[in-house]
Protein backbone atom coordinates (compact mmCIF):
# COMPACT_ATOMS: atom_id res chain seq x y z
CA MET A 1 -14.78 9.08 -15.55
CA SER A 2 -15.88 8.97 -11.92
CA LYS A 3 -14.42 11.88 -9.99
CA ASN A 4 -14.48 9.81 -6.79
CA SER A 5 -11.86 7.29 -7.91
CA LEU A 6 -8.69 6.69 -5.87
CA VAL A 7 -5.87 5.96 -8.31
CA SER A 8 -2.87 7.65 -6.70
CA ILE A 9 -2.22 8.92 -3.20
CA SER A 10 -1.72 12.32 -4.87
CA ASP A 11 -5.47 12.31 -5.60
CA TYR A 12 -6.00 13.17 -1.93
CA SER A 13 -5.04 16.41 -0.23
CA LYS A 14 -3.48 16.49 3.22
CA GLU A 15 -6.90 17.25 4.67
CA GLU A 16 -8.51 14.32 2.84
CA ILE A 17 -5.76 11.98 4.02
CA LEU A 18 -6.27 13.03 7.65
CA ALA A 19 -10.05 12.68 7.24
CA ILE A 20 -9.58 9.08 6.03
CA LEU A 21 -7.41 8.32 9.07
CA ASP A 22 -10.01 9.84 11.42
CA SER A 23 -12.72 7.79 9.71
CA ALA A 24 -10.61 4.63 10.07
CA THR A 25 -10.37 5.29 13.83
CA GLY A 26 -14.15 5.21 13.96
CA PHE A 27 -14.32 1.98 12.00
CA GLU A 28 -11.77 0.37 14.31
CA ALA A 29 -14.06 1.18 17.24
CA ASN A 30 -17.16 -0.03 15.37
CA PRO A 31 -16.43 -2.02 12.18
CA ASN A 32 -19.84 -3.68 11.78
CA ARG A 33 -22.36 -1.38 10.10
CA LYS A 34 -25.00 -1.57 7.36
CA THR A 35 -24.07 1.52 5.38
CA LEU A 36 -23.49 -0.49 2.16
CA ASP A 37 -26.76 -2.41 2.33
CA GLY A 38 -27.88 -3.03 -1.25
CA LYS A 39 -24.53 -1.98 -2.74
CA VAL A 40 -22.19 -4.19 -4.79
CA VAL A 41 -18.40 -3.90 -4.91
CA ALA A 42 -16.39 -5.70 -7.61
CA THR A 43 -12.86 -6.86 -6.81
CA LEU A 44 -10.88 -7.45 -10.01
CA PHE A 45 -7.47 -8.91 -9.19
CA PHE A 46 -5.38 -9.52 -12.30
CA GLU A 47 -2.43 -10.21 -9.97
CA PRO A 48 -2.28 -12.43 -6.86
CA SER A 49 -3.20 -10.89 -3.52
CA THR A 50 -4.05 -12.07 -0.03
CA ARG A 51 -4.19 -9.12 2.41
CA THR A 52 -5.38 -6.45 0.01
CA ARG A 53 -8.15 -8.50 -1.57
CA LEU A 54 -9.36 -10.14 1.63
CA SER A 55 -9.31 -6.90 3.62
CA PHE A 56 -11.28 -5.06 0.93
CA GLU A 57 -13.80 -7.88 0.75
CA THR A 58 -14.07 -8.09 4.55
CA ALA A 59 -14.52 -4.32 4.67
CA VAL A 60 -17.47 -4.55 2.28
CA ILE A 61 -19.06 -7.47 4.12
CA ARG A 62 -18.74 -5.75 7.51
CA LEU A 63 -20.45 -2.70 5.99
CA GLY A 64 -23.33 -4.83 4.76
CA GLY A 65 -22.45 -4.82 1.05
CA SER A 66 -21.99 -7.63 -1.48
CA ILE A 67 -18.91 -8.77 -3.42
CA ILE A 68 -18.45 -9.94 -7.01
CA GLY A 69 -15.28 -10.35 -9.02
CA PHE A 70 -12.29 -12.63 -9.51
CA SER A 71 -8.95 -13.34 -7.84
CA ASP A 72 -7.30 -14.90 -10.90
CA ALA A 73 -7.30 -13.27 -14.31
CA ALA A 74 -7.18 -16.74 -15.88
CA THR A 75 -10.79 -17.24 -14.75
CA SER A 76 -11.94 -14.01 -16.42
CA SER A 77 -12.61 -13.13 -20.05
CA SER A 78 -9.27 -11.32 -20.21
CA SER A 79 -7.81 -14.80 -20.76
CA LYS A 80 -9.89 -14.88 -23.97
CA GLY A 81 -8.49 -11.56 -25.12
CA GLU A 82 -11.06 -9.16 -23.68
CA THR A 83 -9.61 -5.66 -23.34
CA LEU A 84 -9.41 -3.83 -20.02
CA ASN A 85 -11.75 -1.21 -21.49
CA ASP A 86 -14.42 -3.83 -22.15
CA THR A 87 -13.93 -5.54 -18.79
CA ILE A 88 -14.39 -2.25 -16.92
CA HIS A 89 -17.48 -1.28 -18.91
CA MET A 90 -19.00 -4.71 -18.41
CA VAL A 91 -18.33 -4.92 -14.67
CA SER A 92 -19.56 -1.35 -14.10
CA CYS A 93 -22.99 -2.56 -15.25
CA TYR A 94 -23.10 -4.80 -12.17
CA ALA A 95 -21.17 -2.97 -9.44
CA ASP A 96 -21.23 0.40 -7.65
CA VAL A 97 -17.43 0.44 -7.11
CA ILE A 98 -14.53 -1.45 -8.71
CA VAL A 99 -11.41 -2.35 -6.71
CA MET A 100 -8.70 -3.40 -9.16
CA ARG A 101 -5.15 -4.75 -9.05
CA HIS A 102 -3.31 -4.96 -12.36
CA PRO A 103 0.31 -5.72 -13.35
CA LEU A 104 0.58 -2.80 -15.77
CA GLU A 105 1.58 0.65 -14.56
CA GLY A 106 -1.11 3.15 -15.43
CA ALA A 107 -3.86 0.53 -15.74
CA ALA A 108 -5.79 1.98 -12.79
CA ARG A 109 -5.65 5.51 -14.24
CA TYR A 110 -6.92 4.20 -17.57
CA ALA A 111 -9.71 2.26 -15.85
CA ALA A 112 -10.77 5.38 -13.94
CA GLU A 113 -10.91 7.36 -17.17
CA VAL A 114 -13.30 4.93 -18.87
CA SER A 115 -15.36 3.78 -15.86
CA PRO A 116 -18.71 5.33 -14.94
CA VAL A 117 -18.28 4.06 -11.36
CA PRO A 118 -15.42 4.78 -8.92
CA ILE A 119 -12.17 2.83 -9.32
CA VAL A 120 -9.97 2.07 -6.31
CA ASN A 121 -6.41 1.20 -7.26
CA ALA A 122 -5.30 -1.89 -5.34
CA GLY A 123 -1.88 -1.77 -6.99
CA ASP A 124 -0.79 -1.16 -10.59
CA GLY A 125 2.56 -2.75 -11.33
CA ALA A 126 5.47 -0.94 -9.67
CA ASN A 127 3.59 2.34 -9.74
CA GLN A 128 1.13 3.08 -6.90
CA HIS A 129 -0.72 1.35 -4.05
CA PRO A 130 -2.69 4.16 -2.35
CA SER A 131 -4.82 2.06 0.00
CA GLN A 132 -1.66 0.42 1.37
CA THR A 133 -0.18 3.87 1.86
CA LEU A 134 -3.20 5.05 3.82
CA LEU A 135 -3.04 2.03 6.11
CA ASP A 136 0.70 2.65 6.50
CA LEU A 137 -0.04 6.25 7.53
CA TYR A 138 -2.70 5.03 9.94
CA SER A 139 -0.20 2.58 11.47
CA ILE A 140 2.48 5.26 11.75
CA LYS A 141 0.14 7.78 13.35
CA LYS A 142 -1.28 5.17 15.71
CA THR A 143 2.15 4.07 16.94
CA GLN A 144 3.98 7.41 16.94
CA GLY A 145 1.09 9.70 17.91
CA THR A 146 1.90 11.95 14.95
CA LEU A 147 2.88 11.96 11.29
CA GLU A 148 5.04 15.07 11.61
CA ASN A 149 8.85 15.27 11.61
CA LEU A 150 9.56 11.52 11.67
CA ASN A 151 12.69 9.63 10.60
CA ILE A 152 11.66 6.85 8.24
CA CYS A 153 14.01 4.18 6.92
CA LEU A 154 12.92 2.38 3.73
CA VAL A 155 14.71 -0.91 3.05
CA GLY A 156 14.88 -3.41 0.22
CA ASP A 157 13.21 -3.18 -3.17
CA LEU A 158 12.96 0.58 -3.62
CA LYS A 159 13.03 0.36 -7.43
CA TYR A 160 9.90 -1.70 -8.00
CA GLY A 161 8.26 -1.25 -4.58
CA ARG A 162 5.01 0.63 -5.23
CA THR A 163 4.29 0.86 -1.51
CA VAL A 164 7.42 2.93 -0.81
CA HIS A 165 6.77 5.14 -3.84
CA SER A 166 3.28 5.99 -2.60
CA LEU A 167 4.52 6.48 0.97
CA ILE A 168 7.08 9.08 -0.10
CA MET A 169 4.39 11.07 -1.87
CA ALA A 170 1.97 10.89 1.07
CA MET A 171 4.56 11.80 3.69
CA SER A 172 5.50 14.93 1.72
CA HIS A 173 2.76 16.69 3.72
CA PHE A 174 4.44 15.94 7.07
CA ASN A 175 8.12 16.98 6.88
CA PRO A 176 9.76 13.54 7.10
CA THR A 177 13.43 12.60 6.88
CA PHE A 178 14.01 9.48 4.78
CA LYS A 179 16.86 7.02 4.59
CA PHE A 180 16.83 4.78 1.50
CA ILE A 181 18.67 1.47 1.98
CA ALA A 182 18.89 -0.70 -1.12
CA PRO A 183 21.43 -2.51 -3.30
CA GLU A 184 22.51 -0.60 -6.40
CA GLU A 185 20.21 -2.73 -8.56
CA LEU A 186 17.15 -1.76 -6.50
CA LYS A 187 17.89 1.80 -5.43
CA MET A 188 15.17 4.45 -5.28
CA PRO A 189 14.32 5.67 -8.80
CA GLU A 190 15.57 9.14 -9.64
CA GLU A 191 12.05 10.48 -10.16
CA TYR A 192 11.24 9.97 -6.47
CA LYS A 193 14.48 11.59 -5.38
CA ILE A 194 13.61 14.55 -7.61
CA PHE A 195 10.19 14.59 -5.91
CA CYS A 196 11.90 14.74 -2.51
CA ARG A 197 14.15 17.61 -3.53
CA LYS A 198 11.24 19.50 -5.09
CA HIS A 199 9.23 19.21 -1.86
CA GLY A 200 12.11 19.95 0.50
CA ILE A 201 12.21 16.38 1.88
CA LYS A 202 15.54 15.42 3.42
CA TYR A 203 16.91 12.01 2.42
CA SER A 204 20.09 9.98 2.41
CA GLU A 205 21.06 6.69 0.77
CA ALA A 206 22.97 3.61 1.91
CA THR A 207 23.58 0.06 0.72
CA GLU A 208 24.17 -1.60 4.11
CA LEU A 209 21.46 -2.31 6.72
CA ASN A 210 23.67 -2.84 9.78
CA ASN A 211 23.10 0.07 12.21
CA ASN A 212 21.84 2.49 9.59
CA PHE A 213 18.36 2.56 11.15
CA ASN A 214 19.29 3.32 14.78
CA ASP A 215 17.90 6.86 14.50
CA ALA A 216 14.68 5.76 12.80
CA ASP A 217 11.16 6.04 14.18
CA ILE A 218 9.84 3.73 11.46
CA LEU A 219 11.75 0.89 9.80
CA TYR A 220 9.86 -0.07 6.64
CA MET A 221 11.06 -3.41 5.24
CA THR A 222 10.09 -4.62 1.77
CA ARG A 223 10.27 -7.87 -0.16
CA VAL A 224 12.43 -8.22 -3.25
CA GLN A 225 9.69 -8.95 -5.78
CA ARG A 226 10.58 -11.82 -8.08
CA GLU A 227 7.58 -11.05 -10.31
CA ARG A 228 9.03 -7.64 -11.27
CA PHE A 229 12.32 -9.02 -12.61
CA GLN A 230 12.81 -9.85 -16.26
CA ASP A 231 16.34 -11.08 -15.53
CA LEU A 232 16.11 -13.92 -12.97
CA MET A 233 19.89 -13.91 -12.51
CA GLU A 234 19.60 -10.34 -11.25
CA TYR A 235 16.86 -11.45 -8.85
CA GLU A 236 19.05 -14.27 -7.50
CA ARG A 237 21.85 -11.79 -6.78
CA VAL A 238 19.70 -9.50 -4.63
CA LYS A 239 16.86 -11.61 -3.21
CA ASN A 240 18.47 -12.18 0.21
CA VAL A 241 20.58 -9.06 0.47
CA TYR A 242 18.96 -7.91 3.75
CA THR A 243 17.59 -9.93 6.64
CA LEU A 244 16.50 -8.09 9.78
CA LYS A 245 17.29 -10.09 12.94
CA ASN A 246 16.24 -9.47 16.52
CA LYS A 247 19.81 -8.83 17.71
CA MET A 248 20.10 -5.95 15.22
CA LEU A 249 17.42 -4.00 17.12
CA ILE A 250 19.36 -3.67 20.39
CA ASN A 251 20.46 -0.07 19.79
CA SER A 252 17.34 1.10 17.96
CA LYS A 253 15.04 3.79 19.37
CA LEU A 254 12.50 2.73 21.99
CA ASN A 255 9.63 4.06 19.89
CA LEU A 256 10.76 2.25 16.72
CA LYS A 257 8.09 0.28 14.89
CA ILE A 258 8.86 -2.19 12.11
CA LEU A 259 6.45 -2.14 9.19
CA HIS A 260 6.20 -4.40 6.15
CA PRO A 261 3.45 -4.48 3.48
CA LEU A 262 3.74 -8.31 3.44
CA PRO A 263 4.11 -11.01 2.33
CA ARG A 264 7.62 -11.42 3.68
CA VAL A 265 10.10 -13.98 2.46
CA ASN A 266 13.53 -13.77 4.13
CA GLU A 267 13.83 -10.05 4.86
CA ILE A 268 12.53 -10.29 8.46
CA ASP A 269 13.67 -13.24 10.54
CA PRO A 270 10.86 -14.91 12.52
CA ASP A 271 12.78 -14.14 15.71
CA VAL A 272 11.72 -10.50 15.27
CA ASP A 273 8.01 -11.38 15.53
CA SER A 274 8.04 -11.48 19.34
CA ASN A 275 9.81 -8.12 19.63
CA GLU A 276 7.47 -5.34 20.77
CA LYS A 277 8.85 -3.19 17.96
CA ALA A 278 7.39 -5.56 15.33
CA TYR A 279 4.12 -4.11 14.03
CA TYR A 280 3.56 -5.69 10.61
CA PHE A 281 0.72 -8.01 11.58
CA GLN A 282 -1.16 -5.20 13.35
CA GLN A 283 -0.41 -3.07 10.29
CA ALA A 284 -2.21 -5.64 8.11
CA GLN A 285 -5.20 -5.61 10.46
CA ASN A 286 -5.34 -1.82 10.21
CA GLY A 287 -5.95 -2.29 6.50
CA LEU A 288 -9.51 -3.40 7.21
CA TYR A 289 -10.48 -0.15 8.94
CA VAL A 290 -8.73 2.07 6.42
CA ARG A 291 -10.34 0.28 3.48
CA GLN A 292 -13.75 0.66 5.10
CA ALA A 293 -13.03 4.39 5.22
CA ILE A 294 -11.88 4.45 1.58
CA ILE A 295 -14.92 2.60 0.27
CA SER A 296 -17.21 4.89 2.24
CA LYS A 297 -15.47 7.96 0.82
CA VAL A 298 -15.51 6.94 -2.85
CA MET A 299 -19.20 6.04 -2.52
CA GLY A 300 -20.02 9.33 -0.83
CA ILE A 301 -21.24 7.67 2.36
CA LYS A 302 -20.58 9.51 5.59
CA SER A 303 -19.00 7.24 8.20
């Protein structure tokens, strides 16, 4: 197992998280470098991805490295029955780092345990998405000037949403206050509420969006993920339960920023895009700089 893998946001201490954010600031100022010259990064995406895969691949290219891998598991030998163990061992013969997205929770941890090269978890089912969390933290710090003592409202799919699960764990270092807004079917799992209580994190719950975010510094919207539902009737009941509209922001705080891991479907109306509080597209761009910092860290390259 490579000790440099990033599987969960809990793999990084508060100091390591802040170091990644500082490194990302440097990459934003100067993204084009040759620090990965001669290095190969494999991107193994067993699930669809646009932003995560393309930003990781762009990060590698801008650092002078090369990319191998696949964006569709159907084009890999896993479609022939090859085990994840064999895939990881095979790809590690060709690459210096493996970035992997997989539909099964725990797949990234397993891959890290059997891989001789670092594994970066690009999302494992409804479990964790640590690189997204780090770019979320970078976006929050960049817009609020701090990570400390913020009111953060999480909305939508809080049951299957791996981005909100990782964000709760990361923000435990910074004394946040959370508000969880979700329908009963998609409420925050008990294990994350236990985590909040254990770490002294204040939180409240609601089922209505309305004005429940007027005291928030960050409004974090999420998509109801059809691919996580086994019961499609349940998905149909909740898929459009919340839609944020521009007129709903009238009484929100001046410093509010709206984040979303994207892609969006109906949860943010396009009329919000022109509002200065909308930050989700800039948030996606920040992913490039943060992923440059992550790749540099797992490869032991000083940025």
